[in-house]
């Protein structure tokens, strides 16, 4: 008699990244993945639960719209379903929460199925520094920022490109990404919020893009400079990677259920640019 197939659960997660060494589990370090897997093991009585995540955020980066999946035996979900959220809330530390959990559509893969990830980076140019109550998620920038200049520079970065100039390379990984949206607004008099959205991001990409745009916003660089750096397709040491604490993963968007598997298959393919775009 064959075993019943596992049930894939989708978990919607939020966390304050301040005291974590990032998402990914690491020996002798406190991580978001480690805390969640420990809580799931305790609540579900699983020996080694393994979460697959939409975006492996770095140390200090926050998550408000993070998504992960976990495969469990169907009888576990049937037994724990309605009370699982409350039980997890009782054992998780206060800086990480599971906000929703339930069976995922067929073909769903938290890592490979997304249409996009949306991050927001928040910066204060207040002369006296950041509001103490926002010090964990807002960067202080010492110079006044011109949001219009930043948006003008950002518009030149949109589209599918090789973002090698803004990424830390990883062996065997493509640096080609589709940057779908970069937009700066003032949330209040002194706090600027930069939305950065792409189908996926390579390591340090968001924080490097923000660093380049801040240099334009405070007048240290011309509006065309981030685009010139991009076109060179080589990591540029003059691009400052901003600190992680201003960055929050706000949303991971997935396609309709019937398109999940196809999207995951397409994402798994190694990406290259058309000859005309890479020349």
Protein backbone atom coordinates (compact mmCIF):
# COMPACT_ATOMS: atom_id res chain seq x y z
CA UNK A 1 0.00 0.00 0.00
CA UNK A 2 1.48 3.32 -1.07
CA UNK A 3 1.85 6.24 1.33
CA UNK A 4 -0.38 9.27 0.93
CA UNK A 5 1.34 12.22 -0.79
CA UNK A 6 2.60 14.98 1.48
CA UNK A 7 0.61 18.17 1.90
CA UNK A 8 2.49 21.33 0.94
CA UNK A 9 1.75 24.19 3.34
CA UNK A 10 2.26 27.86 2.54
CA UNK A 11 3.38 30.01 5.47
CA UNK A 12 3.15 33.82 5.42
CA UNK A 13 5.78 35.20 7.77
CA UNK A 14 6.94 38.50 9.28
CA UNK A 15 9.98 39.29 11.39
CA UNK A 16 12.15 42.03 12.83
CA UNK A 17 15.56 41.13 11.39
CA UNK A 18 17.60 43.14 13.91
CA UNK A 19 18.72 40.24 16.09
CA UNK A 20 18.90 37.57 13.39
CA UNK A 21 21.90 36.47 11.31
CA UNK A 22 19.61 36.47 8.27
CA UNK A 23 17.02 33.96 7.11
CA UNK A 24 19.20 30.94 6.32
CA UNK A 25 19.98 28.40 9.03
CA UNK A 26 23.62 28.58 10.19
CA UNK A 27 25.50 26.66 12.89
CA UNK A 28 25.68 28.47 16.25
CA UNK A 29 23.80 31.51 14.90
CA UNK A 30 20.27 32.73 15.51
CA UNK A 31 18.35 32.77 12.22
CA UNK A 32 14.73 33.17 11.15
CA UNK A 33 14.70 29.75 9.51
CA UNK A 34 16.20 28.16 12.60
CA UNK A 35 13.61 29.67 14.96
CA UNK A 36 10.71 28.71 12.72
CA UNK A 37 11.89 25.16 12.12
CA UNK A 38 12.46 24.68 15.84
CA UNK A 39 8.91 25.88 16.57
CA UNK A 40 7.42 23.67 13.85
CA UNK A 41 9.34 20.65 15.12
CA UNK A 42 7.97 21.24 18.61
CA UNK A 43 4.37 21.89 17.61
CA UNK A 44 4.07 19.25 14.87
CA UNK A 45 6.43 16.74 16.51
CA UNK A 46 8.51 16.54 13.34
CA UNK A 47 12.12 15.44 13.55
CA UNK A 48 13.68 17.79 10.95
CA UNK A 49 11.17 20.11 9.26
CA UNK A 50 12.72 21.98 6.30
CA UNK A 51 11.34 25.29 5.08
CA UNK A 52 11.83 26.55 1.52
CA UNK A 53 11.68 30.34 1.38
CA UNK A 54 10.84 32.93 -1.28
CA UNK A 55 13.81 35.18 -0.46
CA UNK A 56 16.82 34.49 1.77
CA UNK A 57 17.13 37.87 3.47
CA UNK A 58 20.50 38.95 4.87
CA UNK A 59 21.39 39.64 8.50
CA UNK A 60 19.48 42.68 9.76
CA UNK A 61 16.93 42.76 6.91
CA UNK A 62 13.27 42.65 7.94
CA UNK A 63 10.34 40.71 6.49
CA UNK A 64 6.70 41.76 6.47
CA UNK A 65 5.59 39.67 3.46
CA UNK A 66 7.93 36.69 3.50
CA UNK A 67 6.62 33.34 2.21
CA UNK A 68 7.87 29.79 2.76
CA UNK A 69 6.59 26.27 2.19
CA UNK A 70 6.77 23.06 4.19
CA UNK A 71 5.74 19.51 3.21
CA UNK A 72 4.00 17.51 5.95
CA UNK A 73 2.07 14.24 6.20
CA UNK A 74 -1.66 14.84 5.54
CA UNK A 75 -2.71 13.48 8.92
CA UNK A 76 -0.61 16.18 10.65
CA UNK A 77 -2.39 18.97 8.84
CA UNK A 78 -5.77 17.37 9.49
CA UNK A 79 -4.98 17.17 13.20
CA UNK A 80 -3.40 20.58 13.66
CA UNK A 81 -4.81 22.79 10.87
CA UNK A 82 -7.11 25.24 12.63
CA UNK A 83 -5.04 25.56 15.81
CA UNK A 84 -1.56 25.60 14.24
CA UNK A 85 -1.27 29.40 14.06
CA UNK A 86 -2.16 29.87 17.71
CA UNK A 87 0.18 27.07 18.80
CA UNK A 88 3.08 28.58 16.82
CA UNK A 89 2.38 32.00 18.37
CA UNK A 90 2.77 30.38 21.78
CA UNK A 91 6.27 29.04 21.13
CA UNK A 92 7.86 31.52 18.69
CA UNK A 93 9.92 34.48 20.00
CA UNK A 94 8.23 37.88 19.66
CA UNK A 95 10.42 39.04 16.75
CA UNK A 96 9.06 36.43 14.31
CA UNK A 97 5.43 35.57 13.50
CA UNK A 98 3.56 33.20 11.20
CA UNK A 99 0.57 35.25 10.03
CA UNK A 100 -1.16 32.62 7.89
CA UNK A 101 -0.73 28.94 7.05
CA UNK A 102 -2.66 26.58 4.81
CA UNK A 103 -2.44 24.09 1.93
CA UNK A 104 -0.77 25.54 -1.17
CA UNK A 105 -2.08 25.12 -4.72
CA UNK A 106 -0.70 22.25 -6.78
CA UNK A 107 2.68 23.16 -8.27
CA UNK A 108 3.36 25.91 -5.70
CA UNK A 109 7.01 26.51 -4.86
CA UNK A 110 7.77 29.40 -2.49
CA UNK A 111 11.17 30.00 -4.09
CA UNK A 112 10.54 29.41 -7.79
CA UNK A 113 6.87 30.33 -8.35
CA UNK A 114 6.87 34.10 -7.54
CA UNK A 115 6.12 36.70 -10.19
CA UNK A 116 7.99 39.29 -8.15
CA UNK A 117 9.46 40.29 -4.81
CA UNK A 118 8.85 43.83 -3.54
CA UNK A 119 11.22 45.46 -1.07
CA UNK A 120 11.08 48.91 0.51
CA UNK A 121 14.15 50.75 1.81
CA UNK A 122 13.50 53.63 4.22
CA UNK A 123 15.88 56.55 4.74
CA UNK A 124 15.64 59.65 6.93
CA UNK A 125 17.40 62.89 5.99
CA UNK A 126 16.25 64.68 9.15
CA UNK A 127 19.06 67.00 10.32
CA UNK A 128 18.83 65.67 13.87
CA UNK A 129 18.81 61.98 12.95
CA UNK A 130 16.25 59.17 12.88
CA UNK A 131 13.24 59.07 15.20
CA UNK A 132 14.45 56.75 18.01
CA UNK A 133 11.31 54.64 17.61
CA UNK A 134 12.24 53.96 13.96
CA UNK A 135 15.97 53.39 14.44
CA UNK A 136 15.65 49.65 13.66
CA UNK A 137 14.10 50.06 10.20
CA UNK A 138 15.15 53.52 8.95
CA UNK A 139 18.66 54.57 7.86
CA UNK A 140 19.91 58.06 8.71
CA UNK A 141 21.41 59.89 5.73
CA UNK A 142 23.36 62.99 6.67
CA UNK A 143 22.67 64.95 3.48
CA UNK A 144 19.29 66.24 2.17
CA UNK A 145 17.82 64.02 -0.57
CA UNK A 146 16.16 65.06 -3.83
CA UNK A 147 13.53 62.40 -4.56
CA UNK A 148 12.92 63.67 -8.10
CA UNK A 149 16.57 63.16 -9.03
CA UNK A 150 16.51 59.67 -7.55
CA UNK A 151 13.42 58.73 -9.55
CA UNK A 152 14.92 60.11 -12.76
CA UNK A 153 18.02 57.98 -12.25
CA UNK A 154 15.97 54.92 -11.26
CA UNK A 155 13.89 55.04 -14.44
CA UNK A 156 17.04 54.32 -16.47
CA UNK A 157 17.58 51.03 -14.64
CA UNK A 158 14.22 49.40 -15.37
CA UNK A 159 13.89 46.30 -17.54
CA UNK A 160 15.80 43.06 -17.97
CA UNK A 161 19.55 43.54 -17.65
CA UNK A 162 22.69 41.91 -16.37
CA UNK A 163 22.95 43.44 -12.89
CA UNK A 164 26.49 42.16 -12.27
CA UNK A 165 27.55 45.73 -11.39
CA UNK A 166 25.13 45.69 -8.45
CA UNK A 167 25.47 42.07 -7.29
CA UNK A 168 27.91 40.00 -5.33
CA UNK A 169 28.62 37.16 -7.74
CA UNK A 170 27.97 33.55 -6.73
CA UNK A 171 29.54 30.67 -8.60
CA UNK A 172 27.19 29.28 -11.23
CA UNK A 173 24.46 31.87 -10.59
CA UNK A 174 23.06 34.23 -13.21
CA UNK A 175 23.00 37.98 -12.50
CA UNK A 176 20.30 38.68 -15.10
CA UNK A 177 17.14 40.07 -13.54
CA UNK A 178 14.03 42.01 -14.59
CA UNK A 179 13.80 45.19 -12.56
CA UNK A 180 10.09 46.03 -12.70
CA UNK A 181 9.76 49.04 -10.43
CA UNK A 182 11.98 51.50 -8.60
CA UNK A 183 10.16 54.43 -7.06
CA UNK A 184 10.96 56.89 -4.29
CA UNK A 185 8.34 58.80 -2.27
CA UNK A 186 8.37 60.79 0.95
CA UNK A 187 6.34 59.01 3.62
CA UNK A 188 6.61 62.16 5.71
CA UNK A 189 8.73 65.31 5.80
CA UNK A 190 12.00 63.50 6.44
CA UNK A 191 11.49 59.79 5.65
CA UNK A 192 11.99 58.64 2.05
CA UNK A 193 10.78 55.18 1.03
CA UNK A 194 12.29 53.47 -2.00
CA UNK A 195 10.26 50.61 -3.50
CA UNK A 196 12.36 48.13 -5.47
CA UNK A 197 10.53 45.32 -7.27
CA UNK A 198 11.91 42.58 -9.51
CA UNK A 199 11.17 39.03 -10.57
CA UNK A 200 14.13 38.05 -8.38
CA UNK A 201 17.23 39.62 -6.84
CA UNK A 202 20.85 38.58 -6.68
CA UNK A 203 22.95 39.00 -3.54
CA UNK A 204 23.19 42.63 -2.29
CA UNK A 205 21.34 43.92 -5.38
CA UNK A 206 18.70 46.00 -3.60
CA UNK A 207 21.12 47.61 -1.15
CA UNK A 208 23.63 48.38 -3.90
CA UNK A 209 20.94 49.99 -6.08
CA UNK A 210 19.77 52.08 -3.12
CA UNK A 211 23.35 53.15 -2.41
CA UNK A 212 23.80 54.35 -6.00
CA UNK A 213 20.52 56.25 -5.98
CA UNK A 214 21.26 57.95 -2.65
CA UNK A 215 24.49 59.26 -4.16
CA UNK A 216 22.38 60.86 -6.91
CA UNK A 217 19.78 62.13 -4.46
CA UNK A 218 22.29 64.03 -2.33
CA UNK A 219 24.13 65.46 -5.35
CA UNK A 220 27.38 63.50 -5.13
CA UNK A 221 26.70 61.81 -8.49
CA UNK A 222 24.96 62.81 -11.71
CA UNK A 223 21.58 61.38 -12.68
CA UNK A 224 23.04 59.18 -15.42
CA UNK A 225 25.71 57.58 -13.20
CA UNK A 226 23.74 54.51 -11.95
CA UNK A 227 22.88 53.66 -15.58
CA UNK A 228 26.51 53.98 -16.64
CA UNK A 229 27.52 51.61 -13.83
CA UNK A 230 24.82 49.13 -14.90
CA UNK A 231 25.96 49.15 -18.53
CA UNK A 232 29.52 48.23 -17.52
CA UNK A 233 28.20 44.91 -16.08
CA UNK A 234 31.18 44.68 -13.70
CA UNK A 235 31.00 45.07 -9.92
CA UNK A 236 31.91 48.70 -9.19
CA UNK A 237 33.68 49.44 -5.90
CA UNK A 238 32.39 53.03 -6.00
CA UNK A 239 28.83 51.76 -5.40
CA UNK A 240 28.18 51.85 -1.66
CA UNK A 241 26.07 48.97 -0.31
CA UNK A 242 23.81 50.57 2.31
CA UNK A 243 23.29 48.96 5.74
CA UNK A 244 20.66 46.20 5.97
CA UNK A 245 18.39 47.58 8.67
CA UNK A 246 16.56 50.02 6.38
CA UNK A 247 15.35 47.18 4.14
CA UNK A 248 12.08 45.27 4.45
CA UNK A 249 10.70 42.52 2.22
CA UNK A 250 7.12 43.76 1.88
CA UNK A 251 5.51 41.39 -0.61
CA UNK A 252 5.98 38.22 -2.65
CA UNK A 253 3.41 37.90 -5.44
CA UNK A 254 2.45 34.58 -7.03
CA UNK A 255 0.52 33.77 -10.23
CA UNK A 256 -2.95 32.16 -10.31
CA UNK A 257 -3.02 28.58 -9.05
CA UNK A 258 -3.19 27.04 -12.52
CA UNK A 259 0.05 28.81 -13.53
CA UNK A 260 2.16 27.90 -10.48
CA UNK A 261 3.97 24.87 -11.89
CA UNK A 262 4.74 26.54 -15.24
CA UNK A 263 6.11 29.61 -13.49
CA UNK A 264 8.37 27.49 -11.27
CA UNK A 265 9.69 25.57 -14.28
CA UNK A 266 10.47 28.78 -16.17
CA UNK A 267 12.26 30.32 -13.18
CA UNK A 268 14.52 27.29 -12.74
CA UNK A 269 16.06 27.76 -16.20
CA UNK A 270 19.46 29.48 -16.24
CA UNK A 271 18.93 33.00 -17.59
CA UNK A 272 20.82 34.67 -20.41
CA UNK A 273 20.15 37.86 -22.32
CA UNK A 274 19.32 37.88 -26.05
CA UNK A 275 22.38 38.57 -28.20
CA UNK A 276 21.11 42.04 -29.14
CA UNK A 277 20.62 42.98 -25.46
CA UNK A 278 24.00 41.71 -24.29
CA UNK A 279 26.08 43.24 -27.07
